[in-house]
Amino acid sequence: MEKGRIIKLIGGQYTVLLEDGNRRIAKPRGKFRHVEVSPKVGDLVVIEGETITEVKPRFNELKRPPIVNVDTAFIINAIVEPNFSFNLLDRFLVMVAYESIEPVIVVSKIDLADDDTLQSLKQTLNYYENYYDILYTSVKKASTLDVLRGRLKNRISVFAGQTGSGKSSLLNALDERLNIKTGTISKALGRGRHTTRHSELITVNGGLVADTPGFSKLDFDTIDCNHLPELYPDFFALSSHCKFRGCHHLNEPKCAVKAAVENGDIPSVRYENYKLIYEAIKSIKPLY
């Protein structure tokens, strides 16, 4: 009997990184099908021979990407090619907050943007810096990579973001031995082609990092409307000043969040994204 962590899943076969540093290909015991337990990348497991016999309890779980027990989520957003999306950023931040994962916003490809574009983005992101760590990176600027590399040690991290945002390129720059396949941006669609076909934890600078399949759609089927305001640290900080307890910051009178938006203290784009996410959740689950 040995203990380890699942670091790769392809075709029903799991690669387990054992405590002694060795790796073993294993398959789950059939009993998991009867208890609705499906081992996932990131799981701590017990194996006997080539069989996974036990999956330890998880402290969080992402559906897309399908990774569990994540410490840090690096939310990769390209400044251009494809253009930066605050809507996707806020959606990722909500999902990460729901799973109690530490978020780090990473703006990639800054070498491709002109000064005006970069400064304009930084101006809006200055607000986000009050609540989240933000890193500006380029695969061509070693100093920006050193800061990112330092955040990986002794952590299980996920690189998540829109297709074409540069996740795989950043990983290659962090460790040139990885040689992860990267893609080009489709001019017709304005976004990248999928290059990562499976979820895998890769050893980088003393930590494990997941290079995950790119995507631009996030599902909120596990989040309740009533819980959404708590997933915004800036909104939550103001909620005690709202007239009504449990304020949804939408149509309620004397709402501190809406007042902050009107005063310019909260960027309008963030509040508009909040309303879109709220409606997306409401369309899935009725509000009681």
Protein backbone atom coordinates (compact mmCIF):
# COMPACT_ATOMS: atom_id res chain seq x y z
CA MET A 1 0.00 0.00 0.00
CA GLU A 2 1.42 3.36 -1.06
CA LYS A 3 0.24 6.97 -1.03
CA GLY A 4 0.52 9.55 -3.78
CA ARG A 5 -1.20 12.21 -5.86
CA ILE A 6 -2.84 11.82 -9.25
CA ILE A 7 -1.01 14.09 -11.69
CA LYS A 8 -2.35 12.90 -15.05
CA LEU A 9 -5.41 11.24 -16.59
CA ILE A 10 -5.54 9.90 -20.14
CA GLY A 11 -7.88 7.21 -21.44
CA GLY A 12 -8.94 5.99 -18.01
CA GLN A 13 -5.35 5.52 -16.86
CA TYR A 14 -4.07 7.61 -13.97
CA THR A 15 -0.47 8.60 -13.38
CA VAL A 16 0.21 8.77 -9.65
CA LEU A 17 3.19 10.64 -8.20
CA LEU A 18 4.17 8.59 -5.18
CA GLU A 19 5.56 10.02 -1.95
CA ASP A 20 9.01 8.65 -2.80
CA GLY A 21 9.05 10.60 -6.08
CA ASN A 22 8.40 7.63 -8.35
CA ARG A 23 5.44 7.46 -10.72
CA ARG A 24 3.00 4.66 -11.34
CA ILE A 25 0.21 4.06 -13.85
CA ALA A 26 -2.92 2.88 -12.05
CA LYS A 27 -6.63 2.32 -12.53
CA PRO A 28 -9.39 2.91 -9.96
CA ARG A 29 -11.04 0.00 -8.20
CA GLY A 30 -14.46 -0.81 -9.63
CA LYS A 31 -16.20 0.01 -6.34
CA PHE A 32 -15.87 3.74 -7.05
CA ARG A 33 -18.57 3.44 -9.72
CA HIS A 34 -21.07 2.37 -7.07
CA VAL A 35 -20.31 5.23 -4.66
CA GLU A 36 -20.18 7.95 -7.33
CA VAL A 37 -16.51 8.67 -6.70
CA SER A 38 -14.45 9.48 -9.77
CA PRO A 39 -10.75 10.07 -9.07
CA LYS A 40 -9.47 13.33 -10.55
CA VAL A 41 -6.17 15.01 -11.18
CA GLY A 42 -4.97 16.48 -7.88
CA ASP A 43 -6.53 13.79 -5.71
CA LEU A 44 -4.50 12.27 -2.88
CA VAL A 45 -4.92 8.52 -3.21
CA VAL A 46 -3.89 5.17 -1.80
CA ILE A 47 -2.79 2.54 -4.30
CA GLU A 48 -2.07 -1.17 -4.04
CA GLY A 49 0.00 -2.46 -6.91
CA GLU A 50 -1.58 -0.81 -9.94
CA THR A 51 -4.98 -0.20 -8.37
CA ILE A 52 -6.30 2.98 -6.72
CA THR A 53 -8.07 1.72 -3.60
CA GLU A 54 -8.87 4.96 -1.79
CA VAL A 55 -9.43 8.62 -2.64
CA LYS A 56 -8.76 11.00 0.24
CA PRO A 57 -11.25 13.84 0.99
CA ARG A 58 -10.87 16.94 -1.18
CA PHE A 59 -10.84 20.52 0.08
CA ASN A 60 -11.98 21.99 -3.25
CA GLU A 61 -12.90 20.94 -6.76
CA LEU A 62 -13.01 22.68 -10.12
CA LYS A 63 -15.27 21.23 -12.80
CA ARG A 64 -13.73 23.15 -15.69
CA PRO A 65 -10.85 22.55 -15.55
CA PRO A 66 -11.34 19.21 -13.73
CA ILE A 67 -8.70 19.69 -11.03
CA VAL A 68 -9.05 19.21 -7.26
CA ASN A 69 -7.14 20.33 -4.15
CA VAL A 70 -5.90 23.53 -5.78
CA ASP A 71 -4.05 26.13 -3.70
CA THR A 72 -3.69 28.94 -6.25
CA ALA A 73 -5.44 29.79 -9.50
CA PHE A 74 -3.47 31.94 -11.90
CA ILE A 75 -6.13 33.55 -14.05
CA ILE A 76 -4.37 34.26 -17.34
CA ASN A 77 -5.75 37.10 -19.46
CA ALA A 78 -3.93 38.33 -22.56
CA ILE A 79 -3.87 42.08 -22.99
CA VAL A 80 -4.22 41.54 -26.76
CA GLU A 81 -4.57 38.59 -29.14
CA PRO A 82 -7.20 37.91 -27.84
CA ASN A 83 -8.23 41.23 -26.30
CA PHE A 84 -8.54 41.46 -22.52
CA SER A 85 -12.02 40.52 -21.27
CA PHE A 86 -13.21 41.86 -17.91
CA ASN A 87 -16.29 39.70 -18.25
CA LEU A 88 -14.20 36.52 -18.35
CA LEU A 89 -11.97 37.82 -15.57
CA ASP A 90 -14.90 38.41 -13.23
CA ARG A 91 -16.41 35.04 -14.10
CA PHE A 92 -13.15 33.27 -13.27
CA LEU A 93 -12.82 35.23 -10.03
CA VAL A 94 -16.32 34.14 -8.96
CA MET A 95 -15.60 30.47 -9.64
CA VAL A 96 -12.26 30.62 -7.83
CA ALA A 97 -13.78 32.39 -4.82
CA TYR A 98 -16.57 29.80 -4.65
CA GLU A 99 -13.98 27.04 -4.33
CA SER A 100 -11.93 29.03 -1.76
CA ILE A 101 -8.87 29.08 -4.02
CA GLU A 102 -6.34 31.90 -3.85
CA PRO A 103 -6.68 33.93 -7.08
CA VAL A 104 -3.80 35.67 -8.86
CA ILE A 105 -4.64 37.76 -11.93
CA VAL A 106 -1.98 37.42 -14.61
CA VAL A 107 -1.96 39.82 -17.56
CA SER A 108 0.03 38.14 -20.34
CA LYS A 109 1.54 39.30 -23.64
CA ILE A 110 2.27 42.83 -22.40
CA ASP A 111 5.08 43.06 -24.96
CA LEU A 112 2.44 43.01 -27.73
CA ALA A 113 0.50 46.04 -26.48
CA ASP A 114 1.28 49.70 -27.06
CA ASP A 115 1.77 51.98 -24.06
CA ASP A 116 -1.69 53.55 -24.30
CA THR A 117 -3.41 50.15 -24.26
CA LEU A 118 -1.32 48.95 -21.32
CA GLN A 119 -1.86 52.10 -19.28
CA SER A 120 -5.59 52.10 -19.97
CA LEU A 121 -5.88 48.52 -18.74
CA LYS A 122 -3.77 49.22 -15.67
CA GLN A 123 -6.00 52.16 -14.79
CA THR A 124 -9.03 49.89 -14.43
CA LEU A 125 -7.07 47.06 -12.86
CA ASN A 126 -5.76 49.45 -10.20
CA TYR A 127 -9.15 48.96 -8.54
CA TYR A 128 -8.80 45.17 -8.63
CA GLU A 129 -5.40 45.43 -6.95
CA ASN A 130 -7.19 46.43 -3.74
CA TYR A 131 -8.53 42.87 -3.54
CA TYR A 132 -6.39 40.63 -5.76
CA ASP A 133 -2.74 40.11 -6.59
CA ILE A 134 -1.97 41.14 -10.19
CA LEU A 135 1.09 40.18 -12.23
CA TYR A 136 1.98 41.69 -15.63
CA THR A 137 3.95 39.20 -17.68
CA SER A 138 5.68 38.60 -20.97
CA VAL A 139 7.52 35.51 -22.12
CA LYS A 140 10.15 37.94 -23.46
CA LYS A 141 10.76 39.70 -20.13
CA ALA A 142 12.63 37.51 -17.66
CA SER A 143 11.96 39.75 -14.66
CA THR A 144 8.19 39.30 -15.00
CA LEU A 145 8.64 35.54 -15.19
CA ASP A 146 10.79 35.46 -12.05
CA VAL A 147 7.94 36.96 -10.01
CA LEU A 148 5.49 34.39 -11.37
CA ARG A 149 7.95 31.52 -10.87
CA GLY A 150 8.35 32.45 -7.22
CA ARG A 151 4.63 31.97 -6.60
CA LEU A 152 4.67 28.31 -7.64
CA LYS A 153 6.95 26.70 -5.05
CA ASN A 154 5.29 24.16 -2.73
CA ARG A 155 1.88 24.92 -4.18
CA ILE A 156 -0.63 23.16 -6.39
CA SER A 157 -1.59 25.74 -8.96
CA VAL A 158 -3.82 25.92 -11.98
CA PHE A 159 -3.22 28.08 -15.04
CA ALA A 160 -6.72 28.91 -16.24
CA GLY A 161 -7.98 31.39 -18.78
CA GLN A 162 -9.37 32.01 -22.20
CA THR A 163 -8.10 29.94 -25.11
CA GLY A 164 -5.10 31.69 -26.61
CA SER A 165 -4.30 33.71 -23.50
CA GLY A 166 -0.79 32.25 -23.38
CA LYS A 167 -0.98 29.68 -20.58
CA SER A 168 1.16 27.08 -22.31
CA SER A 169 3.63 29.70 -23.56
CA LEU A 170 4.10 31.00 -20.03
CA LEU A 171 4.75 27.50 -18.73
CA ASN A 172 7.32 26.89 -21.47
CA ALA A 173 9.02 30.15 -20.55
CA LEU A 174 9.04 29.23 -16.86
CA ASP A 175 10.69 25.90 -17.66
CA GLU A 176 12.00 25.41 -21.19
CA ARG A 177 12.26 21.66 -20.64
CA LEU A 178 8.47 21.33 -20.73
CA ASN A 179 8.11 21.98 -24.46
CA ILE A 180 4.31 22.18 -24.25
CA LYS A 181 2.59 22.53 -27.61
CA THR A 182 1.24 26.04 -28.24
CA GLY A 183 -1.19 27.32 -30.84
CA THR A 184 -1.81 30.41 -32.91
CA ILE A 185 -4.64 32.89 -32.75
CA SER A 186 -7.43 32.37 -35.25
CA LYS A 187 -7.95 35.67 -37.07
CA ALA A 188 -11.49 34.68 -38.02
CA LEU A 189 -12.55 33.90 -34.45
CA GLY A 190 -10.25 36.27 -32.57
CA ARG A 191 -9.23 33.55 -30.14
CA GLY A 192 -6.73 30.75 -29.87
CA ARG A 193 -7.03 27.15 -30.91
CA HIS A 194 -7.09 24.49 -28.23
CA THR A 195 -3.64 22.98 -27.67
CA THR A 196 -3.95 21.28 -24.28
CA ARG A 197 -6.11 18.14 -24.60
CA HIS A 198 -6.03 16.77 -21.07
CA SER A 199 -5.50 17.92 -17.50
CA GLU A 200 -2.07 17.26 -16.06
CA LEU A 201 -0.03 18.47 -13.11
CA ILE A 202 3.50 19.40 -14.16
CA THR A 203 6.44 19.94 -11.83
CA VAL A 204 7.62 23.55 -12.11
CA ASN A 205 9.97 25.26 -9.65
CA GLY A 206 9.17 22.99 -6.73
CA GLY A 207 5.42 23.06 -7.24
CA LEU A 208 2.77 21.30 -9.31
CA VAL A 209 1.05 23.31 -12.02
CA ALA A 210 -1.93 22.34 -14.17
CA ASP A 211 -1.88 23.38 -17.80
CA THR A 212 -5.57 23.02 -18.53
CA PRO A 213 -7.66 22.96 -21.71
CA GLY A 214 -8.53 26.49 -22.77
CA PHE A 215 -12.14 27.58 -22.69
CA SER A 216 -14.25 30.73 -22.74
CA LYS A 217 -17.49 29.48 -21.14
CA LEU A 218 -17.95 29.06 -17.41
CA ASP A 219 -20.90 27.34 -15.79
CA PHE A 220 -22.42 28.50 -12.50
CA ASP A 221 -24.79 25.62 -11.83
CA THR A 222 -23.37 25.00 -8.35
CA ILE A 223 -23.66 28.61 -7.12
CA ASP A 224 -26.78 30.09 -5.53
CA CYS A 225 -27.86 33.66 -6.28
CA ASN A 226 -27.99 34.43 -2.57
CA HIS A 227 -24.35 33.43 -2.22
CA LEU A 228 -23.03 35.44 -5.16
CA PRO A 229 -22.62 38.82 -3.34
CA GLU A 230 -20.36 37.12 -0.80
CA LEU A 231 -18.00 36.01 -3.59
CA TYR A 232 -17.17 39.65 -4.39
CA PRO A 233 -14.79 40.85 -1.65
CA ASP A 234 -15.41 44.51 -2.52
CA PHE A 235 -19.19 44.13 -2.50
CA PHE A 236 -19.08 42.09 0.71
CA ALA A 237 -17.04 44.80 2.44
CA LEU A 238 -19.79 47.34 1.66
CA SER A 239 -22.76 45.08 2.39
CA SER A 240 -22.97 46.07 6.07
CA HIS A 241 -23.82 49.59 4.90
CA CYS A 242 -26.76 48.46 2.76
CA LYS A 243 -30.23 49.15 4.17
CA PHE A 244 -31.33 45.54 3.85
CA ARG A 245 -29.51 42.54 5.20
CA GLY A 246 -28.83 40.05 2.40
CA CYS A 247 -28.96 42.81 -0.20
CA HIS A 248 -28.43 41.51 -3.74
CA HIS A 249 -27.21 44.95 -4.89
CA LEU A 250 -29.72 45.10 -7.73
CA ASN A 251 -33.10 46.76 -7.14
CA GLU A 252 -32.94 47.35 -3.39
CA PRO A 253 -33.09 50.96 -2.16
CA LYS A 254 -30.19 52.50 -0.24
CA CYS A 255 -27.71 49.92 -1.50
CA ALA A 256 -24.12 50.83 -0.64
CA VAL A 257 -22.74 48.93 -3.64
CA LYS A 258 -24.96 50.72 -6.15
CA ALA A 259 -24.06 54.02 -4.52
CA ALA A 260 -20.35 53.20 -4.90
CA VAL A 261 -20.89 52.44 -8.59
CA GLU A 262 -22.73 55.72 -9.10
CA ASN A 263 -19.93 57.59 -7.32
CA GLY A 264 -17.28 55.93 -9.48
CA ASP A 265 -15.76 54.06 -6.54
CA ILE A 266 -16.53 50.70 -8.18
CA PRO A 267 -15.84 50.39 -11.94
CA SER A 268 -19.09 50.17 -13.87
CA VAL A 269 -17.72 47.26 -15.92
CA ARG A 270 -17.33 45.18 -12.76
CA TYR A 271 -20.88 45.92 -11.62
CA GLU A 272 -22.33 45.20 -15.07
CA ASN A 273 -20.52 41.86 -15.10
CA TYR A 274 -21.93 41.13 -11.65
CA LYS A 275 -25.46 41.64 -12.97
CA LEU A 276 -24.78 39.39 -15.96
CA ILE A 277 -23.43 36.64 -13.72
CA TYR A 278 -26.39 37.02 -11.36
CA GLU A 279 -28.84 36.63 -14.24
CA ALA A 280 -26.90 33.64 -15.56
CA ILE A 281 -27.20 31.93 -12.17
CA LYS A 282 -30.85 32.91 -11.78
CA SER A 283 -31.68 31.31 -15.12
CA ILE A 284 -30.30 28.01 -13.81
CA LYS A 285 -31.67 28.02 -10.27
CA PRO A 286 -34.86 29.78 -9.15
CA LEU A 287 -34.43 32.43 -6.48
CA TYR A 288 -36.27 31.60 -3.25
